[in-house]
Amino acid sequence: MQPSESLTSLPNSSLPEKKAKLPKQLLFLLATRFGHFLARLACRWTRVRIVNAEPVQELERKGVPVLYATWHGRMLVPVWWHRGTGLMAMVSRHEDGEMVSQLVVRMGYRTVRGSSTRGGGAAARQMVAAIRKGRVAAMICDGPRGPAMEMKIGTPWIAAMAGAWTIPITWAGTRVWRFKSWDRFQVPKPFSKAVILVGDPLPPIEKKVEAIEAFRVRLEQKMNELVLKAEEQVRRQTR
């Protein structure tokens, strides 16, 4: 073919057709309007088993400050488990955060908006104040844009300032959908099995820079170990 010839002029071109993509605005509208409904269905049609919830339930009964910590891609089933409890969650101001906010508010959560890149300082102070007043809270520790499963400093800082016990929590499923997103967000397939794995509570830490950074490293390690344990448990169920 000469350089002047166009591909469209060739007869019976074998070039693959591009699939039409939904506009980003339409995807955002569908996710915010119907995402919570689809998430509820997916979780209700999944047989969920909860492991090691007793220690944190005892802390909540005593009324001590509690802060749950999870990864962005592993938040869905734990969020559903805590529905209707009025738990306080910090959600980013990004578009992804708006979708998460719509989901958790419709499941009975309260939210403060902010992240490591937008409005995080004010939101973190609101979280600290709420935890000190006795509200159970939750953080998505690698949001709003990752890297996935890498701990940002926000959760350790809030835990230190609030004097909170930190509770790692995750889930894994026998059959899941994994989104092609930065966090590889997971949704359980209907009629599958899932396990919510609650980590051992981590006690309050000192309000010192060195202690907060050391806790950031430790908490990241604990949460990633918890993911591996959850995956191993569901693998046993499928053998």
Protein backbone atom coordinates (compact mmCIF):
# COMPACT_ATOMS: atom_id res chain seq x y z
CA MET A 1 0.00 0.00 0.00
CA GLN A 2 1.36 3.44 -0.90
CA PRO A 3 1.59 6.00 1.86
CA SER A 4 -1.11 8.09 0.23
CA GLU A 5 -3.68 5.29 0.43
CA SER A 6 -6.06 5.39 3.39
CA LEU A 7 -7.06 2.35 5.36
CA THR A 8 -10.73 3.12 4.85
CA SER A 9 -10.34 2.86 1.07
CA LEU A 10 -9.29 -0.78 1.21
CA PRO A 11 -12.07 -3.22 0.33
CA ASN A 12 -13.09 -5.84 2.93
CA SER A 13 -10.84 -4.36 5.57
CA SER A 14 -10.06 -6.82 8.36
CA LEU A 15 -9.41 -4.12 10.93
CA PRO A 16 -11.27 -4.89 14.17
CA GLU A 17 -14.17 -2.61 14.97
CA LYS A 18 -13.85 -0.51 18.07
CA LYS A 19 -16.50 -1.16 20.69
CA ALA A 20 -18.51 1.87 21.64
CA LYS A 21 -17.77 3.09 25.14
CA LEU A 22 -20.28 4.69 27.46
CA PRO A 23 -19.53 8.36 28.14
CA LYS A 24 -17.77 8.90 31.46
CA GLN A 25 -20.63 11.09 32.70
CA LEU A 26 -23.16 8.32 32.00
CA LEU A 27 -21.05 5.73 33.81
CA PHE A 28 -20.79 8.08 36.78
CA LEU A 29 -24.56 8.63 36.80
CA LEU A 30 -25.28 4.90 36.65
CA ALA A 31 -22.77 4.16 39.40
CA THR A 32 -24.10 6.80 41.79
CA ARG A 33 -27.78 6.08 41.14
CA PHE A 34 -27.76 2.29 40.94
CA GLY A 35 -24.42 1.14 42.37
CA HIS A 36 -25.74 0.80 45.91
CA PHE A 37 -28.69 -1.27 44.68
CA LEU A 38 -26.46 -3.67 42.75
CA ALA A 39 -24.04 -3.90 45.68
CA ARG A 40 -26.89 -4.81 48.04
CA LEU A 41 -28.08 -7.53 45.67
CA ALA A 42 -24.59 -8.96 45.23
CA CYS A 43 -24.03 -9.14 48.99
CA ARG A 44 -27.50 -10.46 49.84
CA TRP A 45 -27.06 -13.27 47.33
CA THR A 46 -23.70 -14.20 48.83
CA ARG A 47 -23.23 -16.55 51.78
CA VAL A 48 -21.06 -14.48 54.10
CA ARG A 49 -19.13 -15.88 57.05
CA ILE A 50 -17.58 -13.54 59.63
CA VAL A 51 -14.38 -14.57 61.38
CA ASN A 52 -12.87 -13.09 64.57
CA ALA A 53 -15.51 -10.41 65.18
CA GLU A 54 -15.72 -11.04 68.94
CA PRO A 55 -12.74 -8.88 70.07
CA VAL A 56 -13.95 -5.74 68.33
CA GLN A 57 -17.53 -6.33 69.43
CA GLU A 58 -16.27 -6.41 73.02
CA LEU A 59 -14.45 -3.10 72.48
CA GLU A 60 -17.60 -1.54 71.06
CA ARG A 61 -19.64 -2.75 74.04
CA LYS A 62 -17.11 -1.08 76.37
CA GLY A 63 -17.48 2.17 74.43
CA VAL A 64 -13.75 2.61 73.72
CA PRO A 65 -12.71 4.51 70.56
CA VAL A 66 -12.66 2.18 67.53
CA LEU A 67 -11.38 2.81 63.99
CA TYR A 68 -11.83 0.20 61.23
CA ALA A 69 -9.24 0.10 58.46
CA THR A 70 -9.71 -1.49 55.04
CA TRP A 71 -8.35 -1.29 51.50
CA HIS A 72 -10.28 0.42 48.72
CA GLY A 73 -10.61 -2.70 46.59
CA ARG A 74 -11.75 -4.80 49.56
CA MET A 75 -14.33 -2.47 51.10
CA LEU A 76 -17.65 -3.68 49.66
CA VAL A 77 -18.61 -6.66 51.81
CA PRO A 78 -17.36 -5.14 55.11
CA VAL A 79 -19.34 -1.98 54.25
CA TRP A 80 -22.43 -4.10 53.70
CA TRP A 81 -21.84 -5.97 56.97
CA HIS A 82 -21.86 -2.67 58.92
CA ARG A 83 -24.95 -1.28 57.16
CA GLY A 84 -27.44 0.61 59.29
CA THR A 85 -25.03 1.17 62.19
CA GLY A 86 -24.42 4.88 61.67
CA LEU A 87 -20.70 4.26 61.38
CA MET A 88 -18.65 7.33 60.36
CA ALA A 89 -16.59 7.00 57.18
CA MET A 90 -14.09 9.37 55.60
CA VAL A 91 -14.62 9.53 51.83
CA SER A 92 -12.58 11.44 49.26
CA ARG A 93 -13.85 14.40 47.23
CA HIS A 94 -12.85 12.78 43.93
CA GLU A 95 -15.39 11.24 41.55
CA ASP A 96 -14.55 7.78 42.91
CA GLY A 97 -15.27 9.19 46.35
CA GLU A 98 -18.68 10.44 45.28
CA MET A 99 -19.60 6.92 44.14
CA VAL A 100 -18.39 5.50 47.47
CA SER A 101 -20.28 8.22 49.35
CA GLN A 102 -23.54 7.41 47.56
CA LEU A 103 -23.03 3.73 48.40
CA VAL A 104 -22.26 4.10 52.10
CA VAL A 105 -24.84 6.81 52.84
CA ARG A 106 -27.57 4.61 51.40
CA MET A 107 -26.35 1.86 53.70
CA GLY A 108 -26.81 4.02 56.78
CA TYR A 109 -23.34 5.52 57.18
CA ARG A 110 -22.37 9.09 58.01
CA THR A 111 -19.55 10.64 56.02
CA VAL A 112 -16.96 13.36 56.14
CA ARG A 113 -15.40 14.32 52.81
CA GLY A 114 -11.67 14.62 52.32
CA SER A 115 -8.53 12.70 51.33
CA SER A 116 -4.77 12.91 51.18
CA THR A 117 -5.06 15.27 48.19
CA ARG A 118 -8.24 17.27 48.85
CA GLY A 119 -9.52 18.61 52.16
CA GLY A 120 -7.86 15.88 54.17
CA GLY A 121 -6.80 17.98 57.17
CA ALA A 122 -10.26 19.30 58.03
CA ALA A 123 -11.87 15.90 57.42
CA ALA A 124 -9.30 14.14 59.59
CA ARG A 125 -10.00 16.55 62.46
CA GLN A 126 -13.72 15.88 62.12
CA MET A 127 -13.03 12.15 62.28
CA VAL A 128 -10.91 12.56 65.41
CA ALA A 129 -13.64 14.60 67.10
CA ALA A 130 -16.33 12.05 66.19
CA ILE A 131 -14.27 9.11 67.47
CA ARG A 132 -13.51 10.88 70.74
CA LYS A 133 -17.26 11.37 71.23
CA GLY A 134 -17.79 7.62 70.94
CA ARG A 135 -18.66 7.15 67.27
CA VAL A 136 -17.22 4.06 65.59
CA ALA A 137 -15.40 5.11 62.42
CA ALA A 138 -13.81 3.62 59.30
CA MET A 139 -11.02 4.56 56.90
CA ILE A 140 -10.21 3.43 53.37
CA CYS A 141 -6.47 3.46 53.77
CA ASP A 142 -5.13 3.55 50.20
CA GLY A 143 -7.62 5.96 48.63
CA PRO A 144 -8.39 7.97 46.70
CA ARG A 145 -6.09 6.82 43.88
CA GLY A 146 -3.62 4.40 45.37
CA PRO A 147 -1.14 2.85 45.04
CA ALA A 148 -3.30 -0.10 45.97
CA MET A 149 -2.73 -1.68 49.37
CA GLU A 150 -0.18 0.92 50.44
CA MET A 151 -0.96 2.73 53.69
CA LYS A 152 -1.38 6.50 53.62
CA ILE A 153 -0.52 8.44 56.76
CA GLY A 154 -4.11 9.56 57.44
CA THR A 155 -5.37 6.46 59.23
CA PRO A 156 -2.42 6.16 61.65
CA TRP A 157 -2.62 9.91 62.39
CA ILE A 158 -6.35 9.75 63.16
CA ALA A 159 -5.86 6.64 65.32
CA ALA A 160 -3.12 8.40 67.31
CA MET A 161 -4.97 11.69 67.77
CA ALA A 162 -8.23 9.95 68.75
CA GLY A 163 -6.61 7.38 71.02
CA ALA A 164 -8.44 4.70 69.03
CA TRP A 165 -8.06 0.97 68.75
CA THR A 166 -7.48 0.16 65.07
CA ILE A 167 -9.26 -2.83 63.53
CA PRO A 168 -7.99 -4.18 60.19
CA ILE A 169 -10.81 -5.74 58.17
CA THR A 170 -11.01 -7.35 54.74
CA TRP A 171 -12.91 -9.94 52.75
CA ALA A 172 -12.39 -12.55 50.04
CA GLY A 173 -14.79 -14.58 47.93
CA THR A 174 -14.92 -17.91 46.15
CA ARG A 175 -16.14 -16.20 42.96
CA VAL A 176 -15.74 -12.48 42.37
CA TRP A 177 -15.76 -9.82 39.71
CA ARG A 178 -12.54 -7.77 39.65
CA PHE A 179 -12.74 -4.35 38.09
CA LYS A 180 -9.99 -3.11 35.80
CA SER A 181 -9.32 -0.19 38.12
CA TRP A 182 -6.29 0.91 40.10
CA ASP A 183 -7.59 -0.89 43.21
CA ARG A 184 -8.85 -4.04 41.42
CA PHE A 185 -12.19 -3.47 43.18
CA GLN A 186 -13.94 -6.75 44.01
CA VAL A 187 -17.64 -7.63 43.98
CA PRO A 188 -18.93 -11.09 44.98
CA LYS A 189 -20.79 -13.01 42.31
CA PRO A 190 -24.34 -14.10 43.19
CA PHE A 191 -24.65 -17.38 45.10
CA SER A 192 -20.94 -17.46 45.91
CA LYS A 193 -19.34 -17.70 49.35
CA ALA A 194 -17.37 -14.99 51.10
CA VAL A 195 -15.45 -14.54 54.32
CA ILE A 196 -15.09 -11.29 56.23
CA LEU A 197 -11.90 -11.52 58.23
CA VAL A 198 -11.52 -9.13 61.17
CA GLY A 199 -7.99 -8.59 62.39
CA ASP A 200 -6.94 -8.47 66.02
CA PRO A 201 -7.44 -4.98 67.50
CA LEU A 202 -4.29 -2.84 67.57
CA PRO A 203 -4.04 -0.66 70.70
CA PRO A 204 -3.75 3.15 70.69
CA ILE A 205 -0.36 4.64 69.89
CA GLU A 206 1.57 7.70 71.03
CA LYS A 207 0.98 11.07 69.39
CA LYS A 208 4.55 11.26 68.11
CA VAL A 209 5.75 11.46 64.51
CA GLU A 210 8.03 8.43 64.91
CA ALA A 211 5.29 6.34 66.52
CA ILE A 212 2.76 7.27 63.83
CA GLU A 213 5.15 6.38 61.00
CA ALA A 214 6.10 3.07 62.64
CA PHE A 215 2.41 2.29 63.05
CA ARG A 216 1.79 3.15 59.37
CA VAL A 217 4.32 0.49 58.34
CA ARG A 218 3.00 -2.04 60.84
CA LEU A 219 -0.66 -1.49 59.93
CA GLU A 220 0.05 -1.88 56.20
CA GLN A 221 1.80 -5.18 56.93
CA LYS A 222 -1.03 -6.43 59.14
CA MET A 223 -3.67 -5.54 56.56
CA ASN A 224 -1.85 -7.22 53.70
CA GLU A 225 -1.31 -10.33 55.81
CA LEU A 226 -5.04 -10.30 56.57
CA VAL A 227 -5.85 -10.25 52.83
CA LEU A 228 -3.64 -13.29 52.27
CA LYS A 229 -5.31 -15.14 55.16
CA ALA A 230 -8.78 -14.35 53.81
CA GLU A 231 -7.81 -15.57 50.35
CA GLU A 232 -6.42 -18.77 51.85
CA GLN A 233 -9.64 -19.40 53.74
CA VAL A 234 -11.80 -19.14 50.62
CA ARG A 235 -9.38 -21.34 48.70
CA ARG A 236 -9.96 -24.05 51.29
CA GLN A 237 -13.69 -23.78 50.70
CA THR A 238 -13.29 -24.46 46.99
CA ARG A 239 -11.01 -27.49 47.31
